[in-house]
Protein backbone atom coordinates (compact mmCIF):
# COMPACT_ATOMS: atom_id res chain seq x y z
CA LEU A 1 2.96 1.37 -10.55
CA THR A 2 1.90 4.64 -8.94
CA LEU A 3 2.39 5.25 -5.24
CA GLY A 4 0.50 7.42 -2.79
CA LEU A 5 2.79 9.18 -0.32
CA PHE A 6 0.25 9.86 2.41
CA GLY A 7 0.31 10.00 6.21
CA ALA A 8 3.06 9.74 8.79
CA ASP A 9 2.76 5.94 9.05
CA GLY A 10 5.84 4.50 10.70
CA TYR A 11 6.93 7.79 12.29
CA PRO A 12 6.82 7.95 16.12
CA GLU A 13 3.45 9.42 17.17
CA ASP A 14 4.95 11.11 20.23
CA LYS A 15 7.01 13.32 17.92
CA TYR A 16 4.09 15.28 16.47
CA VAL A 17 0.60 16.63 17.19
CA LYS A 18 -2.17 15.71 14.76
CA GLY A 19 -3.39 18.67 12.73
CA GLU A 20 -0.48 20.90 13.63
CA GLU A 21 2.71 21.89 11.82
CA SER A 22 4.67 19.23 13.70
CA MET A 23 2.51 16.58 12.04
CA TYR A 24 3.17 17.94 8.55
CA GLU A 25 6.87 18.09 9.32
CA ALA A 26 6.79 14.47 10.55
CA VAL A 27 4.92 13.41 7.43
CA HIS A 28 7.47 15.12 5.21
CA ILE A 29 10.40 13.55 7.04
CA MET A 30 8.92 10.08 6.46
CA ARG A 31 8.06 10.84 2.84
CA THR A 32 11.53 12.27 2.22
CA ARG A 33 13.12 9.10 3.55
CA ILE A 34 11.03 7.09 1.12
CA MET A 35 11.66 9.38 -1.86
CA THR A 36 15.42 9.51 -1.30
CA SER A 37 15.74 5.73 -0.90
CA PRO A 38 17.77 4.05 -3.68
CA SER A 39 14.81 1.70 -4.21
CA PHE A 40 12.48 4.59 -5.04
CA ASN A 41 13.04 5.41 -8.71
CA GLY A 42 11.45 5.41 -12.15
CA ASP A 43 12.62 1.90 -13.03
CA ARG A 44 9.55 0.44 -11.32
CA ILE A 45 7.51 3.47 -10.29
CA LEU A 46 5.54 5.51 -12.83
CA ALA A 47 4.17 8.24 -10.56
CA ALA A 48 3.86 9.41 -6.97
CA ILE A 49 0.79 11.11 -5.51
CA LEU A 50 1.48 14.08 -3.23
CA PHE A 51 -0.45 16.14 -0.73
CA GLU A 52 -0.44 19.90 -1.41
CA ASN A 53 1.75 20.37 1.67
CA THR A 54 4.33 17.96 0.24
CA MET A 55 4.24 19.65 -3.16
CA ASP A 56 5.09 22.94 -1.48
CA ARG A 57 8.10 21.53 0.40
CA GLN A 58 11.57 20.55 -0.78
CA VAL A 59 13.58 17.35 -1.02
CA ASP A 60 17.37 17.65 -1.15
CA GLY A 61 17.07 21.37 -1.88
CA LYS A 62 14.64 21.00 -4.79
CA PRO A 63 10.85 21.46 -4.92
CA THR A 64 9.34 18.02 -4.39
CA PRO A 65 7.81 17.74 -7.91
CA THR A 66 11.14 18.78 -9.44
CA TYR A 67 13.06 16.25 -7.33
CA LEU A 68 10.70 13.44 -8.29
CA TRP A 69 10.91 14.11 -12.03
CA GLU A 70 14.49 15.33 -12.50
CA VAL A 71 16.26 13.12 -9.95
CA LYS A 72 14.05 10.03 -9.75
CA GLY A 73 12.28 9.98 -13.13
CA ILE A 74 8.91 9.72 -11.39
CA VAL A 75 5.83 11.70 -12.48
CA PRO A 76 4.41 13.95 -9.71
CA ILE A 77 0.64 13.85 -9.12
CA LEU A 78 -1.25 16.15 -6.73
CA LYS A 79 -4.13 15.12 -4.46
CA VAL A 80 -6.67 17.95 -4.79
CA ASP A 81 -9.80 16.83 -2.94
CA LYS A 82 -10.67 18.24 0.51
CA GLY A 83 -12.23 15.12 1.98
CA LEU A 84 -15.67 13.55 1.94
CA GLU A 85 -19.21 14.68 2.63
CA PRO A 86 -21.38 12.63 5.04
CA GLU A 87 -22.94 9.56 3.44
CA LYS A 88 -26.14 10.10 1.46
CA ASP A 89 -27.80 7.72 -1.02
CA GLY A 90 -25.18 5.11 -0.18
CA VAL A 91 -22.21 7.27 -1.25
CA GLN A 92 -19.88 9.99 0.00
CA LEU A 93 -19.36 12.81 -2.46
CA MET A 94 -16.31 15.05 -2.33
CA LYS A 95 -16.51 18.26 -0.33
CA PRO A 96 -16.26 21.48 -2.35
CA ILE A 97 -12.72 22.35 -3.49
CA PRO A 98 -12.36 26.13 -3.07
CA GLY A 99 -9.56 27.80 -4.97
CA LEU A 100 -9.09 24.82 -7.28
CA ASN A 101 -8.14 26.84 -10.36
CA ASP A 102 -5.41 28.69 -8.46
CA LEU A 103 -4.12 25.40 -7.02
CA LEU A 104 -4.02 23.81 -10.48
CA LYS A 105 -2.07 26.74 -11.92
CA ARG A 106 0.43 26.59 -9.07
CA ALA A 107 0.79 22.83 -9.46
CA LYS A 108 1.37 23.10 -13.20
CA ASP A 109 3.99 25.80 -12.65
CA LEU A 110 5.78 23.44 -10.24
CA GLY A 111 5.87 20.66 -12.86
CA VAL A 112 2.98 18.53 -11.61
CA PHE A 113 1.57 16.26 -14.33
CA GLY A 114 -1.86 15.40 -12.99
CA THR A 115 -4.23 15.27 -10.04
CA LYS A 116 -6.11 12.76 -7.92
CA MET A 117 -9.45 13.11 -6.13
CA ARG A 118 -11.38 10.49 -4.15
CA SER A 119 -15.02 9.82 -3.41
CA VAL A 120 -16.54 6.65 -1.93
CA ILE A 121 -19.35 4.30 -2.92
CA ASN A 122 -20.71 2.24 -0.01
CA MET A 123 -23.89 0.78 -1.51
CA ALA A 124 -25.31 -0.04 -4.95
CA ASN A 125 -27.62 2.97 -5.04
CA ALA A 126 -28.02 4.05 -8.68
CA LYS A 127 -28.80 7.69 -7.79
CA GLY A 128 -25.79 7.94 -5.50
CA VAL A 129 -23.36 6.22 -7.85
CA LYS A 130 -24.44 8.44 -10.73
CA GLU A 131 -23.87 11.55 -8.59
CA ILE A 132 -20.39 10.28 -7.68
CA VAL A 133 -19.42 9.82 -11.34
CA ASP A 134 -21.07 13.09 -12.42
CA GLN A 135 -19.05 14.99 -9.81
CA GLN A 136 -15.78 13.27 -10.69
CA PHE A 137 -16.12 14.11 -14.38
CA GLU A 138 -17.39 17.65 -13.80
CA ILE A 139 -14.29 18.52 -11.77
CA GLY A 140 -12.14 16.33 -14.03
CA LYS A 141 -13.04 18.52 -17.01
CA GLN A 142 -11.98 21.59 -15.04
CA ILE A 143 -8.62 19.91 -14.41
CA ILE A 144 -8.23 18.96 -18.08
CA ALA A 145 -8.91 22.58 -19.03
CA ALA A 146 -6.04 23.61 -16.75
CA GLY A 147 -3.66 21.39 -18.74
CA LEU A 148 -3.40 18.50 -16.27
CA ILE A 149 -4.46 14.84 -16.37
CA PRO A 150 -7.04 14.00 -13.67
CA ILE A 151 -7.06 10.68 -11.84
CA LEU A 152 -10.73 10.04 -11.06
CA GLU A 153 -11.08 7.87 -7.95
CA PRO A 154 -14.64 6.70 -7.25
CA GLU A 155 -13.65 4.06 -4.67
CA VAL A 156 -16.03 1.18 -4.01
CA ASN A 157 -15.83 0.19 -0.35
CA ILE A 158 -14.37 -3.34 -0.30
CA LYS A 159 -16.48 -4.13 2.78
CA SER A 160 -19.75 -3.23 1.08
CA PRO A 161 -22.30 -6.08 1.03
CA GLU A 162 -23.25 -4.77 -2.43
CA LYS A 163 -19.73 -4.33 -3.82
CA ALA A 164 -20.26 -6.33 -7.04
CA GLU A 165 -23.58 -4.63 -7.76
CA ALA A 166 -22.07 -1.20 -7.10
CA GLU A 167 -19.26 -1.98 -9.57
CA VAL A 168 -21.82 -2.76 -12.28
CA LEU A 169 -23.41 0.65 -11.79
CA LEU A 170 -20.04 2.38 -11.60
CA LYS A 171 -18.79 0.91 -14.85
CA ARG A 172 -22.00 1.84 -16.64
CA TYR A 173 -21.77 5.50 -15.61
CA LEU A 174 -18.01 5.67 -16.20
CA LEU A 175 -18.41 4.48 -19.77
CA GLU A 176 -21.31 6.87 -20.38
CA HIS A 177 -19.15 9.83 -19.35
CA LEU A 178 -16.02 8.58 -21.12
CA ASN A 179 -18.00 8.41 -24.36
CA THR A 180 -18.86 12.12 -24.09
CA LEU A 181 -15.23 13.31 -23.86
CA GLY A 182 -13.46 14.97 -26.75
CA PRO A 183 -10.66 13.03 -28.50
CA ASP A 184 -7.95 15.03 -26.69
CA ASP A 185 -9.55 14.80 -23.23
CA LYS A 186 -7.54 12.23 -21.27
CA VAL A 187 -8.21 10.84 -17.80
CA MET A 188 -6.89 8.13 -15.54
CA LEU A 189 -9.14 5.99 -13.36
CA LYS A 190 -8.23 4.76 -9.88
CA LEU A 191 -10.61 1.95 -8.95
CA SER A 192 -11.08 -0.65 -6.26
CA LEU A 193 -9.90 -4.12 -7.16
CA PRO A 194 -12.97 -5.66 -8.82
CA SER A 195 -15.11 -8.56 -7.60
CA VAL A 196 -15.01 -10.05 -11.13
CA ASP A 197 -11.56 -10.36 -12.70
CA ASN A 198 -10.89 -7.98 -15.61
CA PHE A 199 -14.26 -6.31 -15.01
CA TYR A 200 -12.96 -2.91 -16.12
CA LYS A 201 -11.52 -4.08 -19.45
CA GLU A 202 -13.76 -1.68 -21.42
CA CYS A 203 -12.43 1.22 -19.37
CA ILE A 204 -8.82 0.10 -19.83
CA ASP A 205 -9.37 -0.15 -23.60
CA HIS A 206 -11.12 3.22 -23.91
CA SER A 207 -9.29 5.76 -26.06
CA ASN A 208 -9.75 8.55 -23.50
CA VAL A 209 -8.21 6.56 -20.64
CA VAL A 210 -4.45 6.84 -20.13
CA ARG A 211 -4.31 4.20 -17.38
CA VAL A 212 -6.56 2.32 -15.01
CA VAL A 213 -4.87 1.87 -11.65
CA ALA A 214 -5.98 -0.09 -8.60
CA LEU A 215 -6.20 1.12 -5.03
CA SER A 216 -5.49 -1.33 -2.24
CA GLY A 217 -8.61 -0.18 -0.38
CA GLY A 218 -7.92 -1.82 2.96
CA TYR A 219 -6.57 -5.13 1.70
CA SER A 220 -3.17 -6.18 3.02
CA ARG A 221 -0.35 -5.88 0.50
CA ASP A 222 -0.28 -9.65 -0.04
CA GLU A 223 -4.06 -9.83 -0.55
CA ALA A 224 -4.06 -6.86 -2.92
CA ASN A 225 -1.16 -8.25 -4.94
CA VAL A 226 -2.89 -11.61 -5.44
CA ILE A 227 -6.06 -9.95 -6.77
CA LEU A 228 -4.16 -7.40 -8.85
CA ALA A 229 -2.06 -10.08 -10.54
CA ARG A 230 -5.28 -11.49 -12.05
CA GLN A 231 -6.22 -8.14 -13.66
CA ASN A 232 -4.76 -7.67 -17.13
CA ARG A 233 -3.21 -4.20 -17.77
CA MET A 234 -4.39 -2.81 -14.43
CA ILE A 235 -1.48 -1.47 -12.39
CA ALA A 236 -1.15 -0.71 -8.68
CA SER A 237 -1.66 2.66 -7.02
CA PHE A 238 -1.06 1.64 -3.42
CA SER A 239 -0.29 3.83 -0.41
CA ARG A 240 -0.96 2.01 2.89
CA ALA A 241 -0.08 -1.33 1.29
CA LEU A 242 3.23 0.10 0.08
CA LEU A 243 4.20 1.37 3.53
CA GLU A 244 3.21 -1.81 5.35
CA GLY A 245 6.06 -2.79 7.69
CA LEU A 246 8.07 0.41 7.25
CA VAL A 247 9.10 2.10 10.52
CA TYR A 248 11.17 5.27 10.78
CA SER A 249 13.37 3.78 13.52
CA MET A 250 14.72 1.16 11.07
CA SER A 251 18.35 1.40 10.04
CA ASP A 252 18.90 2.75 6.51
CA ASN A 253 19.73 -0.74 5.28
CA ASP A 254 16.64 -2.36 6.84
CA PHE A 255 14.40 0.50 5.66
CA ASP A 256 15.67 0.29 2.06
CA THR A 257 15.52 -3.52 2.05
CA SER A 258 11.91 -3.50 3.26
CA LEU A 259 10.87 -0.75 0.84
CA ASN A 260 12.57 -2.50 -2.06
CA ALA A 261 10.76 -5.77 -1.30
CA SER A 262 7.43 -3.94 -1.06
CA ILE A 263 7.95 -2.11 -4.37
CA GLN A 264 9.09 -5.28 -6.14
CA SER A 265 6.10 -7.31 -4.99
CA ILE A 266 3.67 -4.61 -6.12
CA PHE A 267 5.57 -4.14 -9.40
CA ASP A 268 5.42 -7.89 -10.10
CA ALA A 269 1.65 -7.94 -9.48
CA SER A 270 1.24 -5.02 -11.92
CA LYS A 271 2.97 -6.71 -14.85
CA THR A 272 0.09 -8.93 -16.02
């Protein structure tokens, strides 16, 4: 499975101010506790997704990407998007990403393997869904050219009344773009758990796709695991669902026990 190390979930909110350096420090303290846990290693975890701020910090005296790969055997991935535009045509495109080429070079120099970027589909609007996929692949090709593997994340809102219909459009446009890639152009896809089991089989089987991973998307960990276990060769890429129940005030033993149980349950659901 791949894990998103986002937010300061579980860290006391009175210890930091949102948007200020104290928040980033709090986030890194919580992430460091997770990364240095005995349960957090490459035996069950393929990759970890990092914010730029985390990439630029250190864990146990090593740059975070170096620590993940050399100490834990976990592939470091960098989140590169800058958030979402307001909704239009039933979707939210990514905001512009200024300085992307410089960021990609710096990430590669630090040992980062790939990137992740998220946009959101709220309704089954063909024009909007096509624009989402066009944007993901346009920037994805820029990332490939920089020598990294992009994770394209066109999330379908799990609360959408048109979720199944939106997934039909999404798969159509994904396959159209995948079929235009060169033989050496590789991507990963991070997709919402589908309304129809094994709906993304053609994407999983595609020669240009390294992996298709699932986001938890607002489901509880237990709900997400049940759905994921029915998807063949789709593995988890959970963040909030992973951290569910983890609190910084826990003793080391309780923290590690809870994290281990969370990782194991997600790992088991990813093995089908």
